[in-house]
Amino acid sequence: CHGVFDLLHIGHIRYFEQARRLGDVLLVTLTADRFVDKGPQRPAFPEQLRAEAIASLAGVDYVAINEWPTAEETLRRLRPHFYVKGSEFKGVSSDRTGKIGREKQVADELGITLAFADDIVFSSSNLINRYLSTFSEEVDSYLQLLRRRYSLEDVLAVLDRMAALKILVIGDTIIDEYQYCEAIGKSSKDPTLALKYQSSDLFAGGVLAVANHVAHFARNLDLVTVIGGIDSQELFIRQHLQHNIAPTFFVQPQSPTTVKRRFVDGYSFNKLLEIYVMDDSGLGGEQQAALHELLEERLAGYDLVIAADFGHGAITPATRELLAERAPFLAVNTQANAGNRGFHTISKYRRAHYACIARHELDLEVRDRQGDLRRTMEGMRERLGCRAFTVTLGRSGCAVSAVGDRFVQVPSFSQKIVDRVGAGDAFFSVSAMAAALDVDIEILALIGSVAGSLAVETIGNKKAIDRQGMEKYITALIK
């Protein structure tokens, strides 16, 4: 037998008893903590405690913690007569992860009989959600209401539908550079913090990160962006794009590709200093004309155009007007950052079908920090002509306003925050696809919040949000 067995229950015990009756020796292997991908704060019990609990059962002869993500290699090495799974795995083809299918293939190759226990089924995830939740009372209350309104299948079906979307992603290329350092004290001659270099990382950020997120859900997409003629980083960029992205690069000849260099304390991951290497003057006349010619030719053929506008020159006023006029469904995010703050707001777009900005960006747009959130959002949505308008609220979650006086606020699910950089991009990427599918705004908000929660668990844009991770997280919340 093999599984996570996070919360040992009567269903597991009966499963082991049935498996034991098939042979003389019962060996149970556990998924190691590092391979458990069942959502936030999972596993609830570490691998050693899970192994100890199973080893205490009289019918189990041996227990081991698996060294691989699945049981495939374990089956090859042990070659048991029977490999037993629970009855919930009988529909091998319905396993969304594909793991059971691969294990069945190995079992067939080796002549191992794949058997299924047939008894009462309990869900560890459901039991943990009901009795061992690590969420706040606010989040638990929201999830209880959510489970009454939507089934797990309702939400996962939205992810399935994203695959068929024809998508263009356009915006600013940014290379995120992290320089990890140790603070060693004050400089002896100047009032300056002295740092000792430890290591560094480069990540594909900006529109590249957005495209990589989208590529895990849509089968194919096009990317249009601007890179510099000086230190273009084109090879690095191509190597760090998902295989199903078709990029078109326009070159700004006498400019560098934008790099945001952050000096980060290697212990706490606090950011100490940020340096921008960029030229935000935009493309020259000929290149700009070529970009517009390409857009005029292609825009009508997309189901969704995602504008990840960081205000660094890739999308000019004329390009914004063209997108607003020609895109069949335009999703826009305008980020306020140190390089554009006060000069770059969502009102630069005359029209958008979906817009997603942060609360501080909304406050900057309306020049009001104290205004009523719902009323302010409805006003902005009407000004832009949006079907849906989303504002991310950091630790407080997000809010969505939609046509028909619809409004929903969803709490944050984040419990482990490593780095907030890129979380808004992840939220926007996934929620834009949901908006293009015209799904209920509560599902849109849920899907976006899950993407943002996954994004803050990793450094910068080191890892894109993938379909399987989203499904596991959503399953853990709703099951």
Protein backbone atom coordinates (compact mmCIF):
# COMPACT_ATOMS: atom_id res chain seq x y z
CA CYS A 1 0.00 0.00 0.00
CA HIS A 2 1.15 3.55 -0.66
CA GLY A 3 -0.23 6.99 0.21
CA VAL A 4 0.05 10.09 2.36
CA PHE A 5 -2.12 8.83 5.26
CA ASP A 6 -2.04 12.26 6.85
CA LEU A 7 -4.76 11.62 9.43
CA LEU A 8 -5.06 7.91 10.21
CA HIS A 9 -8.74 6.93 10.31
CA ILE A 10 -11.01 3.86 10.20
CA GLY A 11 -11.06 3.94 6.40
CA HIS A 12 -7.28 3.49 6.33
CA ILE A 13 -7.41 0.69 8.90
CA ARG A 14 -10.00 -1.30 6.93
CA TYR A 15 -8.01 -0.67 3.74
CA PHE A 16 -4.88 -2.15 5.34
CA GLU A 17 -6.86 -5.12 6.69
CA GLN A 18 -8.21 -5.94 3.22
CA ALA A 19 -4.76 -5.58 1.68
CA ARG A 20 -3.27 -7.87 4.35
CA ARG A 21 -5.70 -10.66 3.44
CA LEU A 22 -4.32 -10.73 -0.12
CA GLY A 23 -0.85 -11.86 0.95
CA ASP A 24 1.51 -12.95 3.69
CA VAL A 25 3.40 -9.68 4.24
CA LEU A 26 2.02 -6.12 4.17
CA LEU A 27 4.39 -3.25 3.43
CA VAL A 28 3.09 0.33 3.58
CA THR A 29 5.07 3.21 2.08
CA LEU A 30 4.37 6.86 2.87
CA THR A 31 4.77 9.95 0.71
CA ALA A 32 7.58 12.01 2.24
CA ASP A 33 6.72 15.47 3.56
CA ARG A 34 8.60 17.21 0.73
CA PHE A 35 6.45 15.50 -1.91
CA VAL A 36 3.04 16.08 -0.32
CA ASP A 37 1.17 18.56 -2.51
CA LYS A 38 -2.31 18.49 -1.01
CA GLY A 39 -2.61 22.19 -0.32
CA PRO A 40 -1.84 24.65 2.50
CA GLN A 41 -0.22 23.40 5.71
CA ARG A 42 -0.17 19.80 4.49
CA PRO A 43 0.77 17.32 5.71
CA ALA A 44 -0.79 18.10 9.07
CA PHE A 45 1.42 15.39 10.61
CA PRO A 46 5.13 15.00 9.69
CA GLU A 47 6.35 11.83 8.01
CA GLN A 48 7.88 10.27 11.13
CA LEU A 49 4.62 10.55 13.10
CA ARG A 50 2.60 9.24 10.16
CA ALA A 51 4.96 6.26 9.89
CA GLU A 52 4.84 5.62 13.65
CA ALA A 53 1.02 5.62 13.65
CA ILE A 54 0.83 3.04 10.84
CA ALA A 55 3.59 0.89 12.36
CA SER A 56 1.49 0.56 15.52
CA LEU A 57 -1.21 -1.36 13.60
CA ALA A 58 -1.02 -5.13 14.15
CA GLY A 59 -1.68 -6.03 10.52
CA VAL A 60 1.16 -3.95 9.07
CA ASP A 61 4.51 -5.77 8.83
CA TYR A 62 6.76 -3.00 7.47
CA VAL A 63 6.52 0.78 7.04
CA ALA A 64 8.84 2.95 4.96
CA ILE A 65 8.99 6.60 3.93
CA ASN A 66 9.18 6.74 0.15
CA GLU A 67 12.20 8.42 -1.42
CA TRP A 68 10.30 9.37 -4.60
CA PRO A 69 7.15 11.42 -5.29
CA THR A 70 5.13 8.36 -6.41
CA ALA A 71 5.24 4.58 -5.94
CA GLU A 72 6.63 3.85 -9.43
CA GLU A 73 10.26 3.33 -8.41
CA THR A 74 9.18 1.53 -5.22
CA LEU A 75 7.21 -0.99 -7.29
CA ARG A 76 10.21 -1.56 -9.55
CA ARG A 77 12.51 -2.26 -6.59
CA LEU A 78 10.17 -4.36 -4.44
CA ARG A 79 8.17 -6.16 -7.16
CA PRO A 80 5.29 -7.15 -4.84
CA HIS A 81 2.59 -9.60 -5.92
CA PHE A 82 -0.14 -7.04 -5.19
CA TYR A 83 -0.28 -3.24 -5.21
CA VAL A 84 -3.42 -2.20 -3.33
CA LYS A 85 -5.18 1.17 -3.58
CA GLY A 86 -8.38 2.47 -2.03
CA SER A 87 -11.69 2.16 -3.87
CA GLU A 88 -11.71 5.90 -4.62
CA PHE A 89 -8.87 5.26 -7.11
CA LYS A 90 -10.75 2.65 -9.18
CA GLY A 91 -11.43 5.19 -11.91
CA VAL A 92 -7.78 5.39 -12.98
CA SER A 93 -8.62 7.64 -15.94
CA SER A 94 -10.35 10.16 -13.65
CA ASP A 95 -7.16 10.77 -11.61
CA ARG A 96 -6.37 14.40 -12.52
CA THR A 97 -2.70 14.09 -11.51
CA GLY A 98 -1.98 11.07 -13.73
CA LYS A 99 -0.03 9.41 -10.91
CA ILE A 100 -2.27 6.35 -10.61
CA GLY A 101 -2.14 5.82 -14.35
CA ARG A 102 1.67 5.82 -14.33
CA GLU A 103 1.76 3.45 -11.36
CA LYS A 104 -0.68 1.10 -13.11
CA GLN A 105 1.55 1.11 -16.19
CA VAL A 106 4.57 0.07 -14.09
CA ALA A 107 2.50 -2.62 -12.33
CA ASP A 108 1.37 -4.02 -15.69
CA GLU A 109 4.96 -4.05 -16.99
CA LEU A 110 6.17 -6.01 -13.94
CA GLY A 111 3.22 -8.40 -13.68
CA ILE A 112 2.03 -6.88 -10.40
CA THR A 113 -1.70 -7.19 -9.70
CA LEU A 114 -3.31 -3.80 -9.06
CA ALA A 115 -6.09 -4.42 -6.51
CA PHE A 116 -8.60 -2.06 -4.92
CA ALA A 117 -9.95 -2.23 -1.39
CA ASP A 118 -13.72 -1.93 -1.32
CA ASP A 119 -15.04 -0.42 1.90
CA ILE A 120 -16.23 2.82 3.44
CA VAL A 121 -14.27 5.83 2.17
CA PHE A 122 -13.20 8.73 4.36
CA SER A 123 -11.15 11.74 3.30
CA SER A 124 -8.22 12.85 5.44
CA SER A 125 -8.49 16.31 3.84
CA ASN A 126 -12.15 16.57 4.78
CA LEU A 127 -11.51 15.42 8.35
CA ILE A 128 -8.60 17.86 8.74
CA ASN A 129 -10.74 20.72 7.39
CA ARG A 130 -13.53 19.86 9.85
CA TYR A 131 -11.54 19.13 13.01
CA LEU A 132 -7.93 20.31 12.61
CA SER A 133 -8.18 23.49 10.54
CA THR A 134 -5.22 25.87 10.75
CA PHE A 135 -7.18 28.77 9.24
CA SER A 136 -8.65 31.71 11.12
CA GLU A 137 -12.30 31.68 12.15
CA GLU A 138 -13.06 34.14 9.34
CA VAL A 139 -11.55 31.87 6.67
CA ASP A 140 -13.21 28.75 8.11
CA SER A 141 -16.61 30.47 8.08
CA TYR A 142 -16.10 31.58 4.48
CA LEU A 143 -15.05 28.09 3.36
CA GLN A 144 -18.11 26.52 5.00
CA LEU A 145 -20.35 28.85 2.99
CA LEU A 146 -18.32 28.24 -0.17
CA ARG A 147 -18.73 24.45 0.12
CA ARG A 148 -22.51 24.88 0.27
CA ARG A 149 -22.60 27.02 -2.87
CA TYR A 150 -20.10 25.22 -5.10
CA SER A 151 -18.82 21.69 -5.49
CA LEU A 152 -15.18 20.85 -6.07
CA GLU A 153 -16.12 19.82 -9.62
CA ASP A 154 -17.63 23.28 -10.29
CA VAL A 155 -14.31 24.97 -9.56
CA LEU A 156 -12.00 22.43 -11.22
CA ALA A 157 -14.16 22.58 -14.37
CA VAL A 158 -13.12 26.23 -14.75
CA LEU A 159 -9.45 25.19 -14.84
CA ASP A 160 -10.33 22.59 -17.49
CA ARG A 161 -12.00 25.22 -19.69
CA MET A 162 -8.92 27.47 -19.60
CA ALA A 163 -7.00 25.01 -21.79
CA ALA A 164 -8.92 25.92 -24.94
CA LEU A 165 -8.47 29.71 -24.69
CA LYS A 166 -6.46 31.44 -27.44
CA ILE A 167 -4.39 33.98 -25.53
CA LEU A 168 -2.01 36.86 -26.23
CA VAL A 169 0.11 38.21 -23.38
CA ILE A 170 1.73 41.62 -23.91
CA GLY A 171 3.79 43.78 -21.58
CA ASP A 172 7.14 44.68 -20.05
CA THR A 173 9.97 42.18 -19.74
CA ILE A 174 11.69 42.36 -16.35
CA ILE A 175 14.62 40.30 -15.13
CA ASP A 176 14.43 39.97 -11.36
CA GLU A 177 17.90 39.66 -9.83
CA TYR A 178 18.24 38.69 -6.18
CA GLN A 179 21.62 39.32 -4.53
CA TYR A 180 21.64 37.48 -1.20
CA CYS A 181 23.87 39.12 1.39
CA GLU A 182 24.80 39.12 5.05
CA ALA A 183 24.81 42.44 6.91
CA ILE A 184 28.24 42.78 8.52
CA GLY A 185 27.89 46.24 10.05
CA LYS A 186 28.34 49.93 9.38
CA SER A 187 31.04 51.16 7.05
CA SER A 188 33.88 52.75 9.03
CA LYS A 189 34.02 55.92 6.91
CA ASP A 190 30.42 56.48 5.83
CA PRO A 191 26.95 56.05 7.38
CA THR A 192 26.41 53.05 5.11
CA LEU A 193 25.32 49.47 5.78
CA ALA A 194 28.04 47.03 4.71
CA LEU A 195 26.97 43.71 3.18
CA LYS A 196 28.83 40.49 2.47
CA TYR A 197 27.82 38.76 -0.76
CA GLN A 198 26.49 35.19 -0.42
CA SER A 199 24.81 34.15 -3.68
CA SER A 200 22.50 35.37 -6.43
CA ASP A 201 19.48 34.30 -8.49
CA LEU A 202 17.93 35.47 -11.75
CA PHE A 203 14.21 35.07 -12.41
CA ALA A 204 12.03 35.76 -15.44
CA GLY A 205 9.70 38.47 -14.13
CA GLY A 206 7.23 41.01 -15.41
CA VAL A 207 5.28 39.85 -18.44
CA LEU A 208 7.49 36.73 -18.63
CA ALA A 209 6.18 35.56 -15.25
CA VAL A 210 2.60 36.26 -16.32
CA ALA A 211 3.08 34.26 -19.53
CA ASN A 212 4.62 31.34 -17.61
CA HIS A 213 1.68 31.25 -15.19
CA VAL A 214 -0.83 31.29 -18.05
CA ALA A 215 1.10 28.61 -19.97
CA HIS A 216 0.38 26.04 -17.25
CA PHE A 217 -3.35 26.35 -17.97
CA ALA A 218 -3.71 27.28 -21.66
CA ARG A 219 -2.45 24.89 -24.33
CA ASN A 220 -0.79 27.59 -26.42
CA LEU A 221 -0.26 31.31 -26.16
CA ASP A 222 1.59 34.13 -27.86
CA LEU A 223 3.84 36.59 -26.07
CA VAL A 224 4.70 40.08 -27.35
CA THR A 225 7.26 42.09 -25.41
CA VAL A 226 10.21 44.49 -25.65
CA ILE A 227 13.83 43.69 -24.81
CA GLY A 228 16.94 45.84 -24.94
CA GLY A 229 19.60 45.87 -27.62
CA ILE A 230 22.26 46.22 -24.91
CA ASP A 231 22.60 43.18 -22.66
CA SER A 232 19.34 41.81 -24.07
CA GLN A 233 19.28 38.63 -21.93
CA GLU A 234 17.41 37.00 -24.83
CA LEU A 235 19.00 33.58 -24.34
CA PHE A 236 18.13 33.59 -20.62
CA ILE A 237 14.58 34.69 -21.43
CA ARG A 238 14.02 31.97 -24.03
CA GLN A 239 15.41 29.33 -21.67
CA HIS A 240 13.01 30.43 -18.92
CA LEU A 241 9.79 30.47 -20.92
CA GLN A 242 7.42 27.49 -20.94
CA HIS A 243 7.63 25.39 -24.10
CA ASN A 244 4.10 26.27 -25.27
CA ILE A 245 4.79 30.03 -25.38
CA ALA A 246 5.47 31.57 -28.81
CA PRO A 247 7.42 34.80 -28.13
CA THR A 248 7.84 37.83 -30.40
CA PHE A 249 10.54 40.24 -29.23
CA PHE A 250 10.79 43.88 -30.31
CA VAL A 251 14.21 45.38 -29.65
CA GLN A 252 14.91 48.81 -28.18
CA PRO A 253 18.39 49.25 -29.72
CA GLN A 254 20.31 51.56 -27.38
CA SER A 255 18.70 50.35 -24.17
CA PRO A 256 19.19 47.48 -21.72
CA THR A 257 16.56 44.88 -20.96
CA THR A 258 14.97 46.00 -17.69
CA VAL A 259 16.62 44.44 -14.63
CA LYS A 260 15.41 44.96 -11.08
CA ARG A 261 18.30 44.12 -8.78
CA ARG A 262 17.35 43.50 -5.18
CA PHE A 263 19.80 43.12 -2.31
CA VAL A 264 18.27 40.66 0.13
CA ASP A 265 19.27 39.60 3.63
CA GLY A 266 20.08 35.91 3.20
CA TYR A 267 18.71 34.96 6.62
CA SER A 268 15.45 36.90 6.93
CA PHE A 269 14.84 37.50 3.20
CA ASN A 270 14.17 41.16 3.99
CA LYS A 271 14.95 43.39 1.01
CA LEU A 272 17.56 46.03 1.78
CA LEU A 273 17.95 47.92 -1.49
CA GLU A 274 16.55 47.82 -5.02
CA ILE A 275 18.24 49.12 -8.18
CA TYR A 276 16.50 49.57 -11.54
CA VAL A 277 18.49 49.08 -14.73
CA MET A 278 16.11 50.35 -17.42
CA ASP A 279 15.20 52.80 -20.15
CA ASP A 280 11.46 53.41 -20.19
CA SER A 281 11.42 55.67 -23.27
CA GLY A 282 9.81 52.94 -25.39
CA LEU A 283 10.28 51.75 -28.96
CA GLY A 284 11.30 53.98 -31.85
CA GLY A 285 8.94 54.89 -34.67
CA GLU A 286 9.68 51.97 -37.01
CA GLN A 287 9.59 49.34 -34.27
CA GLN A 288 6.42 50.83 -32.83
CA ALA A 289 4.77 50.71 -36.26
CA ALA A 290 5.83 47.07 -36.67
CA LEU A 291 4.37 46.20 -33.27
CA HIS A 292 1.06 47.85 -34.14
CA GLU A 293 0.95 46.14 -37.52
CA LEU A 294 1.37 42.76 -35.80
CA LEU A 295 -1.37 43.57 -33.27
CA GLU A 296 -3.79 44.80 -35.92
CA GLU A 297 -3.26 41.57 -37.82
CA ARG A 298 -3.67 39.21 -34.85
CA LEU A 299 -5.86 40.75 -32.15
CA ALA A 300 -9.21 39.64 -33.53
CA GLY A 301 -8.12 35.99 -33.41
CA TYR A 302 -7.66 35.81 -29.62
CA ASP A 303 -10.20 34.90 -26.96
CA LEU A 304 -8.20 36.84 -24.37
CA VAL A 305 -5.55 39.57 -24.50
CA ILE A 306 -3.66 40.03 -21.23
CA ALA A 307 -1.87 43.37 -20.82
CA ALA A 308 0.69 43.15 -18.02
CA ASP A 309 1.57 46.85 -17.99
CA PHE A 310 4.39 47.68 -15.59
CA GLY A 311 4.80 51.19 -17.01
CA HIS A 312 8.33 50.66 -18.34
CA GLY A 313 7.67 51.60 -21.96
CA ALA A 314 6.65 48.37 -23.69
CA ILE A 315 3.02 49.51 -23.89
CA THR A 316 2.74 53.11 -25.11
CA PRO A 317 -0.39 55.31 -25.10
CA ALA A 318 -0.98 54.45 -28.77
CA THR A 319 -0.63 50.72 -28.02
CA ARG A 320 -3.10 51.00 -25.13
CA GLU A 321 -5.61 52.66 -27.43
CA LEU A 322 -5.16 49.93 -30.04
CA LEU A 323 -5.66 47.20 -27.43
CA ALA A 324 -8.75 48.91 -26.02
CA GLU A 325 -10.25 49.27 -29.49
CA ARG A 326 -9.42 45.90 -31.08
CA ALA A 327 -9.03 43.24 -28.37
CA PRO A 328 -12.12 40.96 -28.17
CA PHE A 329 -11.55 40.56 -24.42
CA LEU A 330 -8.92 42.77 -22.77
CA ALA A 331 -7.64 42.04 -19.25
CA VAL A 332 -5.42 44.76 -17.78
CA ASN A 333 -3.12 45.12 -14.81
CA THR A 334 -1.27 48.41 -14.32
CA GLN A 335 1.34 48.11 -11.61
CA ALA A 336 2.43 51.08 -9.54
CA ASN A 337 6.11 50.63 -8.67
CA ALA A 338 9.07 52.78 -7.68
CA GLY A 339 9.85 53.47 -11.35
CA ASN A 340 6.45 54.90 -12.24
CA ARG A 341 4.53 55.75 -9.06
CA GLY A 342 2.15 58.63 -9.62
CA PHE A 343 2.54 58.44 -13.40
CA HIS A 344 0.99 55.05 -14.15
CA THR A 345 -2.61 54.22 -13.26
CA ILE A 346 -5.45 52.13 -14.66
CA SER A 347 -7.13 55.24 -16.14
CA LYS A 348 -4.51 55.18 -18.90
CA TYR A 349 -6.80 52.57 -20.47
CA ARG A 350 -9.99 53.90 -22.03
CA ARG A 351 -11.65 50.51 -21.88
CA ALA A 352 -11.05 47.01 -20.50
CA HIS A 353 -13.25 43.97 -20.07
CA TYR A 354 -11.42 42.95 -16.88
CA ALA A 355 -9.05 44.91 -14.67
CA CYS A 356 -7.08 43.85 -11.62
CA ILE A 357 -5.10 46.22 -9.40
CA ALA A 358 -3.97 46.43 -5.77
CA ARG A 359 -5.75 48.55 -3.14
CA HIS A 360 -2.94 51.10 -2.99
CA GLU A 361 -3.15 51.44 -6.78
CA LEU A 362 -6.90 52.07 -6.55
CA ASP A 363 -6.32 54.71 -3.85
CA LEU A 364 -3.71 56.38 -6.07
CA GLU A 365 -6.13 56.41 -9.00
CA VAL A 366 -9.00 58.08 -7.10
CA ARG A 367 -6.73 60.17 -4.82
CA ASP A 368 -8.58 58.90 -1.77
CA ARG A 369 -7.34 56.54 0.96
CA GLN A 370 -10.49 56.59 3.07
CA GLY A 371 -13.23 55.97 0.51
CA ASP A 372 -15.74 53.13 0.67
CA LEU A 373 -14.18 50.17 -1.14
CA ARG A 374 -17.30 48.85 -2.85
CA ARG A 375 -18.51 52.24 -4.07
CA THR A 376 -15.05 53.19 -5.32
CA MET A 377 -14.65 49.90 -7.17
CA GLU A 378 -18.07 50.20 -8.79
CA GLY A 379 -17.21 53.70 -9.98
CA MET A 380 -13.94 52.52 -11.53
CA ARG A 381 -15.60 49.50 -13.14
CA GLU A 382 -18.22 51.72 -14.76
CA ARG A 383 -15.57 54.19 -15.98
CA LEU A 384 -13.61 51.40 -17.68
CA GLY A 385 -16.68 49.52 -18.89
CA CYS A 386 -15.44 46.34 -17.19
CA ARG A 387 -17.49 43.20 -16.80
CA ALA A 388 -15.50 42.54 -13.62
CA PHE A 389 -13.07 44.69 -11.63
CA THR A 390 -10.81 43.15 -8.98
CA VAL A 391 -8.83 44.77 -6.18
CA THR A 392 -6.30 42.71 -4.24
CA LEU A 393 -6.16 43.54 -0.53
CA GLY A 394 -2.95 41.84 0.62
CA ARG A 395 -3.49 39.97 3.89
CA SER A 396 -7.20 40.83 3.71
CA GLY A 397 -7.76 38.87 0.48
CA CYS A 398 -9.49 40.43 -2.52
CA ALA A 399 -12.73 42.02 -3.68
CA VAL A 400 -14.51 41.79 -7.04
CA SER A 401 -17.16 44.12 -8.45
CA ALA A 402 -19.14 43.01 -11.50
CA VAL A 403 -21.95 44.12 -13.79
CA GLY A 404 -25.38 43.76 -12.21
CA ASP A 405 -24.42 45.27 -8.85
CA ARG A 406 -22.58 42.09 -7.88
CA PHE A 407 -19.84 42.34 -5.26
CA VAL A 408 -17.89 39.69 -3.38
CA GLN A 409 -15.02 39.79 -0.90
CA VAL A 410 -12.86 36.70 -0.34
CA PRO A 411 -10.33 36.33 2.52
CA SER A 412 -6.68 35.48 2.01
CA PHE A 413 -5.65 31.83 2.40
CA SER A 414 -1.93 32.60 2.78
CA GLN A 415 -0.35 31.10 5.87
CA LYS A 416 3.28 30.90 4.80
CA ILE A 417 4.67 34.12 3.30
CA VAL A 418 8.20 33.89 1.93
CA ASP A 419 8.15 36.70 -0.64
CA ARG A 420 5.30 38.91 -1.86
CA VAL A 421 7.01 39.76 -5.17
CA GLY A 422 5.01 38.29 -8.04
CA ALA A 423 1.89 37.41 -6.02
CA GLY A 424 -0.22 40.05 -7.76
CA ASP A 425 0.98 38.84 -11.16
CA ALA A 426 -0.03 35.27 -10.32
CA PHE A 427 -3.46 36.42 -9.12
CA PHE A 428 -4.00 38.50 -12.26
CA SER A 429 -2.79 35.77 -14.64
CA VAL A 430 -5.21 33.11 -13.45
CA SER A 431 -8.17 35.39 -12.67
CA ALA A 432 -7.94 36.97 -16.15
CA MET A 433 -8.59 33.57 -17.72
CA ALA A 434 -11.52 33.01 -15.36
CA ALA A 435 -12.91 36.43 -16.30
CA ALA A 436 -12.64 35.63 -20.02
CA LEU A 437 -14.71 32.50 -19.38
CA ASP A 438 -17.36 34.68 -17.66
CA VAL A 439 -17.42 32.51 -14.54
CA ASP A 440 -19.17 33.51 -11.33
CA ILE A 441 -17.14 36.23 -9.62
CA GLU A 442 -16.82 34.23 -6.40
CA ILE A 443 -15.09 31.41 -8.29
CA LEU A 444 -12.93 34.04 -10.05
CA ALA A 445 -11.92 35.50 -6.68
CA LEU A 446 -11.28 32.05 -5.19
CA ILE A 447 -9.07 30.95 -8.09
CA GLY A 448 -7.12 34.21 -8.03
CA SER A 449 -6.64 34.04 -4.26
CA VAL A 450 -5.34 30.48 -4.46
CA ALA A 451 -2.83 31.52 -7.15
CA GLY A 452 -1.67 34.43 -5.00
CA SER A 453 -1.36 32.20 -1.93
CA LEU A 454 0.80 29.74 -3.84
CA ALA A 455 2.97 32.57 -5.21
CA VAL A 456 3.91 34.01 -1.80
CA GLU A 457 5.29 30.62 -0.73
CA THR A 458 8.30 30.91 -3.05
CA ILE A 459 11.06 33.43 -3.66
CA GLY A 460 10.16 35.93 -6.38
CA ASN A 461 9.19 34.37 -9.69
CA LYS A 462 11.32 31.28 -9.15
CA LYS A 463 8.41 28.93 -9.83
CA ALA A 464 5.31 29.50 -11.94
CA ILE A 465 1.86 28.58 -10.65
CA ASP A 466 1.03 25.19 -12.17
CA ARG A 467 -2.24 23.44 -12.81
CA GLN A 468 -1.62 20.51 -10.46
CA GLY A 469 -0.64 22.75 -7.56
CA MET A 470 -3.80 24.80 -8.06
CA GLU A 471 -5.99 21.70 -8.16
CA LYS A 472 -4.44 20.26 -4.99
CA TYR A 473 -4.81 23.56 -3.11
CA ILE A 474 -8.43 24.03 -4.20
CA THR A 475 -9.22 20.41 -3.32
CA ALA A 476 -7.76 20.88 0.16
CA LEU A 477 -9.95 23.95 0.69
CA ILE A 478 -13.25 22.60 -0.60
CA LYS A 479 -13.14 18.83 0.00
